[in-house]
Amino acid sequence: AQQVRRMLADPRSISLVDNFASQWLNLRILDELTPDPKQFPEFNDALRKAMQQETGLFFAEILNKNLPVTQFLDGRFTFVNAPLAKLYGIPGVEGNQMRRIELSGNHRAGVLTHASILTLTSNPTRTSPVKRGKWILENILGTPPPDPPPGVEELAEGEQAEAAGSLRQRMVAHRANPLCASCHQLMDPIGFGFENFDAIGAWREKDGAFPVDAGGTLPDGQAF
């Protein structure tokens, strides 16, 4: 224990954030993503960097202060600068320097509501409850779902599909295929729990013209 405390006190322990945390949470994927600029004009390299910094600083805070590991899920604090605070709808934050803030309200807590995680588990033009549910199963619960069966049709995209119903409504029809249903019933309820966050992590009440339904029932029957 003494040696672990000594190593954590060394500046080189930042590698736990830069390497371990980045790999565990897939933060490096953000460098490769470009959300649709027409739908998300506020997304730029500065916001991308702030997203990555928020999650890195959050991890470091839990590590350095020896906070309970459950804080990764329900920590009521985070780190923001002006661009990220604007995305989150948090007033009174100016400048590009990241600073620690306490969270109020009930919209955000822990890494699962960080814009970094919500963005890297989305598609360029929309959210992806499947990706979000799959990410949580793999990275948080350690229970990855099986690969999809061959020949499965992709979800319909485009304006015509979006006018037909919310993403949730379209996915209900997609899951009618029994080959798909067994895996989707594991991933989708978890992912739909985050549908109030758009594809870059901003809070929303509607999916296009349709109200967001972020409720669900887990495989064990527990509803939320």
C-alpha atoms as a PDB file:
ATOM      1  CA  ALA A   1       0.000   0.000   0.000  1.00  0.00           C
ATOM      2  CA  GLN A   2       2.849   2.383   0.806  1.00  0.00           C
ATOM      3  CA  GLN A   3       4.449   1.793  -2.597  1.00  0.00           C
ATOM      4  CA  VAL A   4       1.152   2.285  -4.421  1.00  0.00           C
ATOM      5  CA  ARG A   5       0.649   5.644  -2.661  1.00  0.00           C
ATOM      6  CA  ARG A   6       4.216   6.625  -3.579  1.00  0.00           C
ATOM      7  CA  MET A   7       3.654   5.798  -7.253  1.00  0.00           C
ATOM      8  CA  LEU A   8       0.310   7.591  -7.394  1.00  0.00           C
ATOM      9  CA  ALA A   9       1.962  10.712  -5.961  1.00  0.00           C
ATOM     10  CA  ASP A  10       4.496  10.679  -8.813  1.00  0.00           C
ATOM     11  CA  PRO A  11       3.562  12.935 -11.787  1.00  0.00           C
ATOM     12  CA  ARG A  12       4.094   9.965 -14.076  1.00  0.00           C
ATOM     13  CA  SER A  13       0.922   8.405 -12.667  1.00  0.00           C
ATOM     14  CA  ILE A  14      -0.917  10.612 -15.177  1.00  0.00           C
ATOM     15  CA  SER A  15      -0.341   7.691 -17.565  1.00  0.00           C
ATOM     16  CA  LEU A  16      -3.220   5.946 -15.753  1.00  0.00           C
ATOM     17  CA  VAL A  17      -5.442   8.675 -17.180  1.00  0.00           C
ATOM     18  CA  ASP A  18      -3.760   9.128 -20.563  1.00  0.00           C
ATOM     19  CA  ASN A  19      -3.413   5.421 -21.289  1.00  0.00           C
ATOM     20  CA  PHE A  20      -5.617   3.232 -19.092  1.00  0.00           C
ATOM     21  CA  ALA A  21      -8.658   5.506 -18.847  1.00  0.00           C
ATOM     22  CA  SER A  22      -8.500   6.436 -22.537  1.00  0.00           C
ATOM     23  CA  GLN A  23      -8.424   2.776 -23.548  1.00  0.00           C
ATOM     24  CA  TRP A  24     -11.030   1.613 -21.025  1.00  0.00           C
ATOM     25  CA  LEU A  25     -13.527   4.339 -21.975  1.00  0.00           C
ATOM     26  CA  ASN A  26     -12.586   4.420 -25.709  1.00  0.00           C
ATOM     27  CA  LEU A  27     -11.888   8.171 -25.515  1.00  0.00           C
ATOM     28  CA  ARG A  28      -9.442   8.048 -28.432  1.00  0.00           C
ATOM     29  CA  ILE A  29     -12.304   7.195 -30.764  1.00  0.00           C
ATOM     30  CA  LEU A  30     -13.393  10.836 -30.413  1.00  0.00           C
ATOM     31  CA  ASP A  31     -10.395  11.911 -32.494  1.00  0.00           C
ATOM     32  CA  GLU A  32     -11.840  10.027 -35.459  1.00  0.00           C
ATOM     33  CA  LEU A  33     -15.451  11.220 -35.203  1.00  0.00           C
ATOM     34  CA  THR A  34     -17.114  14.107 -37.016  1.00  0.00           C
ATOM     35  CA  PRO A  35     -20.776  14.645 -36.114  1.00  0.00           C
ATOM     36  CA  ASP A  36     -22.838  16.056 -38.971  1.00  0.00           C
ATOM     37  CA  PRO A  37     -21.955  19.779 -39.183  1.00  0.00           C
ATOM     38  CA  LYS A  38     -25.431  20.758 -40.388  1.00  0.00           C
ATOM     39  CA  GLN A  39     -27.151  19.216 -37.373  1.00  0.00           C
ATOM     40  CA  PHE A  40     -24.404  19.969 -34.857  1.00  0.00           C
ATOM     41  CA  PRO A  41     -22.645  23.191 -35.962  1.00  0.00           C
ATOM     42  CA  GLU A  42     -21.374  23.802 -32.411  1.00  0.00           C
ATOM     43  CA  PHE A  43     -19.137  20.719 -32.568  1.00  0.00           C
ATOM     44  CA  ASN A  44     -15.523  21.611 -33.336  1.00  0.00           C
ATOM     45  CA  ASP A  45     -12.016  20.585 -32.297  1.00  0.00           C
ATOM     46  CA  ALA A  46     -12.107  22.815 -29.200  1.00  0.00           C
ATOM     47  CA  LEU A  47     -15.316  21.165 -27.978  1.00  0.00           C
ATOM     48  CA  ARG A  48     -13.923  17.727 -28.804  1.00  0.00           C
ATOM     49  CA  LYS A  49     -10.842  18.456 -26.673  1.00  0.00           C
ATOM     50  CA  ALA A  50     -12.987  19.732 -23.792  1.00  0.00           C
ATOM     51  CA  MET A  51     -15.061  16.536 -23.897  1.00  0.00           C
ATOM     52  CA  GLN A  52     -11.923  14.406 -23.607  1.00  0.00           C
ATOM     53  CA  GLN A  53     -10.497  16.599 -20.854  1.00  0.00           C
ATOM     54  CA  GLU A  54     -13.711  16.423 -18.825  1.00  0.00           C
ATOM     55  CA  THR A  55     -13.627  12.638 -18.650  1.00  0.00           C
ATOM     56  CA  GLY A  56      -9.873  12.503 -18.042  1.00  0.00           C
ATOM     57  CA  LEU A  57     -10.063  15.017 -15.194  1.00  0.00           C
ATOM     58  CA  PHE A  58     -13.067  13.214 -13.716  1.00  0.00           C
ATOM     59  CA  PHE A  59     -11.152   9.917 -13.706  1.00  0.00           C
ATOM     60  CA  ALA A  60      -8.108  11.613 -12.159  1.00  0.00           C
ATOM     61  CA  GLU A  61     -10.238  13.182  -9.428  1.00  0.00           C
ATOM     62  CA  ILE A  62     -11.670   9.820  -8.395  1.00  0.00           C
ATOM     63  CA  LEU A  63      -8.191   8.261  -8.500  1.00  0.00           C
ATOM     64  CA  ASN A  64      -6.281  10.986  -6.666  1.00  0.00           C
ATOM     65  CA  LYS A  65      -8.900  11.552  -3.959  1.00  0.00           C
ATOM     66  CA  ASN A  66      -9.600   7.831  -3.544  1.00  0.00           C
ATOM     67  CA  LEU A  67     -13.320   8.362  -4.070  1.00  0.00           C
ATOM     68  CA  PRO A  68     -15.691   5.362  -4.170  1.00  0.00           C
ATOM     69  CA  VAL A  69     -15.612   3.565  -7.513  1.00  0.00           C
ATOM     70  CA  THR A  70     -19.387   4.040  -7.707  1.00  0.00           C
ATOM     71  CA  GLN A  71     -18.670   7.747  -8.345  1.00  0.00           C
ATOM     72  CA  PHE A  72     -17.994   6.747 -11.963  1.00  0.00           C
ATOM     73  CA  LEU A  73     -21.741   6.145 -12.203  1.00  0.00           C
ATOM     74  CA  ASP A  74     -23.268   8.681  -9.811  1.00  0.00           C
ATOM     75  CA  GLY A  75     -20.633  11.367  -9.189  1.00  0.00           C
ATOM     76  CA  ARG A  76     -22.413  14.706  -8.859  1.00  0.00           C
ATOM     77  CA  PHE A  77     -19.487  16.808 -10.067  1.00  0.00           C
ATOM     78  CA  THR A  78     -17.625  17.309 -13.308  1.00  0.00           C
ATOM     79  CA  PHE A  79     -15.153  19.564 -15.123  1.00  0.00           C
ATOM     80  CA  VAL A  80     -16.178  22.087 -17.795  1.00  0.00           C
ATOM     81  CA  ASN A  81     -14.976  25.149 -19.658  1.00  0.00           C
ATOM     82  CA  ALA A  82     -17.114  27.707 -21.482  1.00  0.00           C
ATOM     83  CA  PRO A  83     -17.779  25.689 -24.677  1.00  0.00           C
ATOM     84  CA  LEU A  84     -18.686  22.518 -22.763  1.00  0.00           C
ATOM     85  CA  ALA A  85     -20.771  24.417 -20.193  1.00  0.00           C
ATOM     86  CA  LYS A  86     -22.724  26.011 -23.055  1.00  0.00           C
ATOM     87  CA  LEU A  87     -23.430  22.569 -24.519  1.00  0.00           C
ATOM     88  CA  TYR A  88     -24.628  21.396 -21.097  1.00  0.00           C
ATOM     89  CA  GLY A  89     -26.716  24.522 -20.496  1.00  0.00           C
ATOM     90  CA  ILE A  90     -24.677  25.486 -17.429  1.00  0.00           C
ATOM     91  CA  PRO A  91     -24.502  29.296 -16.955  1.00  0.00           C
ATOM     92  CA  GLY A  92     -21.712  31.409 -15.498  1.00  0.00           C
ATOM     93  CA  VAL A  93     -18.672  29.575 -16.932  1.00  0.00           C
ATOM     94  CA  GLU A  94     -16.245  31.644 -18.998  1.00  0.00           C
ATOM     95  CA  GLY A  95     -12.930  30.941 -20.712  1.00  0.00           C
ATOM     96  CA  ASN A  96     -11.257  27.802 -22.023  1.00  0.00           C
ATOM     97  CA  GLN A  97      -9.784  26.678 -18.691  1.00  0.00           C
ATOM     98  CA  MET A  98     -11.390  23.525 -17.316  1.00  0.00           C
ATOM     99  CA  ARG A  99     -12.735  23.897 -13.793  1.00  0.00           C
ATOM    100  CA  ARG A 100     -14.484  21.608 -11.301  1.00  0.00           C
ATOM    101  CA  ILE A 101     -18.172  22.261 -10.708  1.00  0.00           C
ATOM    102  CA  GLU A 102     -20.887  20.626  -8.637  1.00  0.00           C
ATOM    103  CA  LEU A 103     -23.827  19.374 -10.674  1.00  0.00           C
ATOM    104  CA  SER A 104     -27.379  20.444  -9.888  1.00  0.00           C
ATOM    105  CA  GLY A 105     -30.653  19.063 -11.191  1.00  0.00           C
ATOM    106  CA  ASN A 106     -31.077  15.445 -12.223  1.00  0.00           C
ATOM    107  CA  HIS A 107     -29.877  15.395 -15.823  1.00  0.00           C
ATOM    108  CA  ARG A 108     -26.234  14.422 -15.321  1.00  0.00           C
ATOM    109  CA  ALA A 109     -24.162  12.226 -13.036  1.00  0.00           C
ATOM    110  CA  GLY A 110     -21.009  10.197 -13.637  1.00  0.00           C
ATOM    111  CA  VAL A 111     -19.224   9.328 -16.879  1.00  0.00           C
ATOM    112  CA  LEU A 112     -22.294   7.885 -18.601  1.00  0.00           C
ATOM    113  CA  THR A 113     -23.649  11.402 -19.061  1.00  0.00           C
ATOM    114  CA  HIS A 114     -20.351  12.912 -20.253  1.00  0.00           C
ATOM    115  CA  ALA A 115     -20.535  14.342 -23.767  1.00  0.00           C
ATOM    116  CA  SER A 116     -17.440  12.318 -24.685  1.00  0.00           C
ATOM    117  CA  ILE A 117     -19.158   8.986 -24.028  1.00  0.00           C
ATOM    118  CA  LEU A 118     -22.484  10.086 -25.507  1.00  0.00           C
ATOM    119  CA  THR A 119     -20.763  11.304 -28.701  1.00  0.00           C
ATOM    120  CA  LEU A 120     -18.561   8.273 -29.292  1.00  0.00           C
ATOM    121  CA  THR A 121     -21.603   6.013 -28.870  1.00  0.00           C
ATOM    122  CA  SER A 122     -23.661   7.915 -31.463  1.00  0.00           C
ATOM    123  CA  ASN A 123     -23.848   8.036 -35.236  1.00  0.00           C
ATOM    124  CA  PRO A 124     -22.881  11.232 -37.128  1.00  0.00           C
ATOM    125  CA  THR A 125     -26.522  12.263 -37.628  1.00  0.00           C
ATOM    126  CA  ARG A 126     -28.352  10.700 -34.681  1.00  0.00           C
ATOM    127  CA  THR A 127     -28.112   8.895 -31.384  1.00  0.00           C
ATOM    128  CA  SER A 128     -27.617   5.133 -31.279  1.00  0.00           C
ATOM    129  CA  PRO A 129     -29.301   3.353 -28.366  1.00  0.00           C
ATOM    130  CA  VAL A 130     -27.705   0.150 -29.661  1.00  0.00           C
ATOM    131  CA  LYS A 131     -24.166   1.576 -29.486  1.00  0.00           C
ATOM    132  CA  ARG A 132     -24.815   3.133 -26.095  1.00  0.00           C
ATOM    133  CA  GLY A 133     -26.273  -0.058 -24.655  1.00  0.00           C
ATOM    134  CA  LYS A 134     -23.483  -2.149 -26.161  1.00  0.00           C
ATOM    135  CA  TRP A 135     -20.824   0.237 -24.769  1.00  0.00           C
ATOM    136  CA  ILE A 136     -22.232  -0.036 -21.239  1.00  0.00           C
ATOM    137  CA  LEU A 137     -22.491  -3.826 -21.453  1.00  0.00           C
ATOM    138  CA  GLU A 138     -18.862  -4.060 -22.603  1.00  0.00           C
ATOM    139  CA  ASN A 139     -17.085  -1.265 -20.727  1.00  0.00           C
ATOM    140  CA  ILE A 140     -19.038  -0.996 -17.472  1.00  0.00           C
ATOM    141  CA  LEU A 141     -20.683  -4.384 -16.917  1.00  0.00           C
ATOM    142  CA  GLY A 142     -18.114  -6.586 -18.658  1.00  0.00           C
ATOM    143  CA  THR A 143     -20.834  -8.604 -20.401  1.00  0.00           C
ATOM    144  CA  PRO A 144     -20.507  -7.907 -24.152  1.00  0.00           C
ATOM    145  CA  PRO A 145     -23.408  -9.037 -26.339  1.00  0.00           C
ATOM    146  CA  PRO A 146     -22.782 -11.550 -29.148  1.00  0.00           C
ATOM    147  CA  ASP A 147     -22.055 -10.342 -32.670  1.00  0.00           C
ATOM    148  CA  PRO A 148     -25.109  -9.698 -34.876  1.00  0.00           C
ATOM    149  CA  PRO A 149     -26.144 -12.529 -37.192  1.00  0.00           C
ATOM    150  CA  PRO A 150     -25.157 -12.198 -40.875  1.00  0.00           C
ATOM    151  CA  GLY A 151     -27.540 -10.580 -43.328  1.00  0.00           C
ATOM    152  CA  VAL A 152     -29.315  -8.287 -40.857  1.00  0.00           C
ATOM    153  CA  GLU A 153     -30.768  -5.211 -42.545  1.00  0.00           C
ATOM    154  CA  GLU A 154     -29.635  -1.792 -41.343  1.00  0.00           C
ATOM    155  CA  LEU A 155     -32.128   0.584 -39.752  1.00  0.00           C
ATOM    156  CA  ALA A 156     -33.786   2.861 -42.324  1.00  0.00           C
ATOM    157  CA  GLU A 157     -32.263   6.351 -42.386  1.00  0.00           C
ATOM    158  CA  GLY A 158     -33.065   9.711 -43.963  1.00  0.00           C
ATOM    159  CA  GLU A 159     -35.818  12.297 -43.822  1.00  0.00           C
ATOM    160  CA  GLN A 160     -38.549   9.903 -44.959  1.00  0.00           C
ATOM    161  CA  ALA A 161     -37.706   7.401 -42.228  1.00  0.00           C
ATOM    162  CA  GLU A 162     -37.447  10.142 -39.588  1.00  0.00           C
ATOM    163  CA  ALA A 163     -40.867  11.500 -40.536  1.00  0.00           C
ATOM    164  CA  ALA A 164     -42.394   8.071 -39.956  1.00  0.00           C
ATOM    165  CA  GLY A 165     -41.643   8.064 -36.255  1.00  0.00           C
ATOM    166  CA  SER A 166     -39.099   8.586 -33.520  1.00  0.00           C
ATOM    167  CA  LEU A 167     -35.914   6.528 -33.480  1.00  0.00           C
ATOM    168  CA  ARG A 168     -37.441   4.388 -30.748  1.00  0.00           C
ATOM    169  CA  GLN A 169     -40.543   3.659 -32.828  1.00  0.00           C
ATOM    170  CA  ARG A 170     -38.445   2.700 -35.862  1.00  0.00           C
ATOM    171  CA  MET A 171     -36.276   0.399 -33.771  1.00  0.00           C
ATOM    172  CA  VAL A 172     -39.314  -1.421 -32.391  1.00  0.00           C
ATOM    173  CA  ALA A 173     -40.139  -2.428 -35.974  1.00  0.00           C
ATOM    174  CA  HIS A 174     -36.504  -3.386 -36.611  1.00  0.00           C
ATOM    175  CA  ARG A 175     -36.543  -5.721 -33.602  1.00  0.00           C
ATOM    176  CA  ALA A 176     -39.503  -7.639 -35.023  1.00  0.00           C
ATOM    177  CA  ASN A 177     -36.917  -9.963 -36.595  1.00  0.00           C
ATOM    178  CA  PRO A 178     -36.503 -12.734 -33.965  1.00  0.00           C
ATOM    179  CA  LEU A 179     -32.831 -13.137 -34.964  1.00  0.00           C
ATOM    180  CA  CYS A 180     -32.262  -9.563 -33.791  1.00  0.00           C
ATOM    181  CA  ALA A 181     -34.535  -9.500 -30.766  1.00  0.00           C
ATOM    182  CA  SER A 182     -32.442 -11.623 -28.392  1.00  0.00           C
ATOM    183  CA  CYS A 183     -29.452  -9.260 -28.497  1.00  0.00           C
ATOM    184  CA  HIS A 184     -31.440  -6.048 -28.793  1.00  0.00           C
ATOM    185  CA  GLN A 185     -33.414  -6.785 -25.634  1.00  0.00           C
ATOM    186  CA  LEU A 186     -30.083  -6.647 -23.770  1.00  0.00           C
ATOM    187  CA  MET A 187     -28.728  -3.470 -25.379  1.00  0.00           C
ATOM    188  CA  ASP A 188     -31.685  -1.331 -26.339  1.00  0.00           C
ATOM    189  CA  PRO A 189     -33.356  -0.677 -22.955  1.00  0.00           C
ATOM    190  CA  ILE A 190     -30.051   0.573 -21.528  1.00  0.00           C
ATOM    191  CA  GLY A 191     -29.400   2.747 -24.569  1.00  0.00           C
ATOM    192  CA  PHE A 192     -32.909   4.203 -24.629  1.00  0.00           C
ATOM    193  CA  GLY A 193     -32.366   5.336 -21.045  1.00  0.00           C
ATOM    194  CA  PHE A 194     -30.019   7.967 -22.524  1.00  0.00           C
ATOM    195  CA  GLU A 195     -32.261   9.185 -25.349  1.00  0.00           C
ATOM    196  CA  ASN A 196     -32.686  12.570 -23.653  1.00  0.00           C
ATOM    197  CA  PHE A 197     -29.097  13.241 -24.748  1.00  0.00           C
ATOM    198  CA  ASP A 198     -28.567  14.030 -28.420  1.00  0.00           C
ATOM    199  CA  ALA A 199     -25.703  12.745 -30.562  1.00  0.00           C
ATOM    200  CA  ILE A 200     -23.157  15.135 -28.990  1.00  0.00           C
ATOM    201  CA  GLY A 201     -24.462  14.963 -25.420  1.00  0.00           C
ATOM    202  CA  ALA A 202     -26.769  17.980 -25.182  1.00  0.00           C
ATOM    203  CA  TRP A 203     -30.037  17.519 -23.266  1.00  0.00           C
ATOM    204  CA  ARG A 204     -33.220  17.397 -25.336  1.00  0.00           C
ATOM    205  CA  GLU A 205     -36.902  16.774 -24.751  1.00  0.00           C
ATOM    206  CA  LYS A 206     -37.775  15.790 -28.340  1.00  0.00           C
ATOM    207  CA  ASP A 207     -36.383  13.485 -31.034  1.00  0.00           C
ATOM    208  CA  GLY A 208     -37.196  15.628 -34.045  1.00  0.00           C
ATOM    209  CA  ALA A 209     -40.934  16.232 -33.812  1.00  0.00           C
ATOM    210  CA  PHE A 210     -41.547  13.395 -31.361  1.00  0.00           C
ATOM    211  CA  PRO A 211     -41.300  13.456 -27.535  1.00  0.00           C
ATOM    212  CA  VAL A 212     -38.399  11.466 -26.122  1.00  0.00           C
ATOM    213  CA  ASP A 213     -39.352   8.264 -24.300  1.00  0.00           C
ATOM    214  CA  ALA A 214     -36.378   7.341 -22.090  1.00  0.00           C
ATOM    215  CA  GLY A 215     -38.089   4.603 -20.099  1.00  0.00           C
ATOM    216  CA  GLY A 216     -37.602   0.892 -20.484  1.00  0.00           C
ATOM    217  CA  THR A 217     -37.667  -2.579 -19.028  1.00  0.00           C
ATOM    218  CA  LEU A 218     -34.461  -4.525 -18.370  1.00  0.00           C
ATOM    219  CA  PRO A 219     -34.166  -8.252 -19.182  1.00  0.00           C
ATOM    220  CA  ASP A 220     -34.848  -9.127 -15.540  1.00  0.00           C
ATOM    221  CA  GLY A 221     -38.163  -7.271 -15.671  1.00  0.00           C
ATOM    222  CA  GLN A 222     -37.047  -4.171 -13.756  1.00  0.00           C
ATOM    223  CA  ALA A 223     -38.627  -1.037 -15.237  1.00  0.00           C
ATOM    224  CA  PHE A 224     -37.241   2.502 -15.153  1.00  0.00           C
END
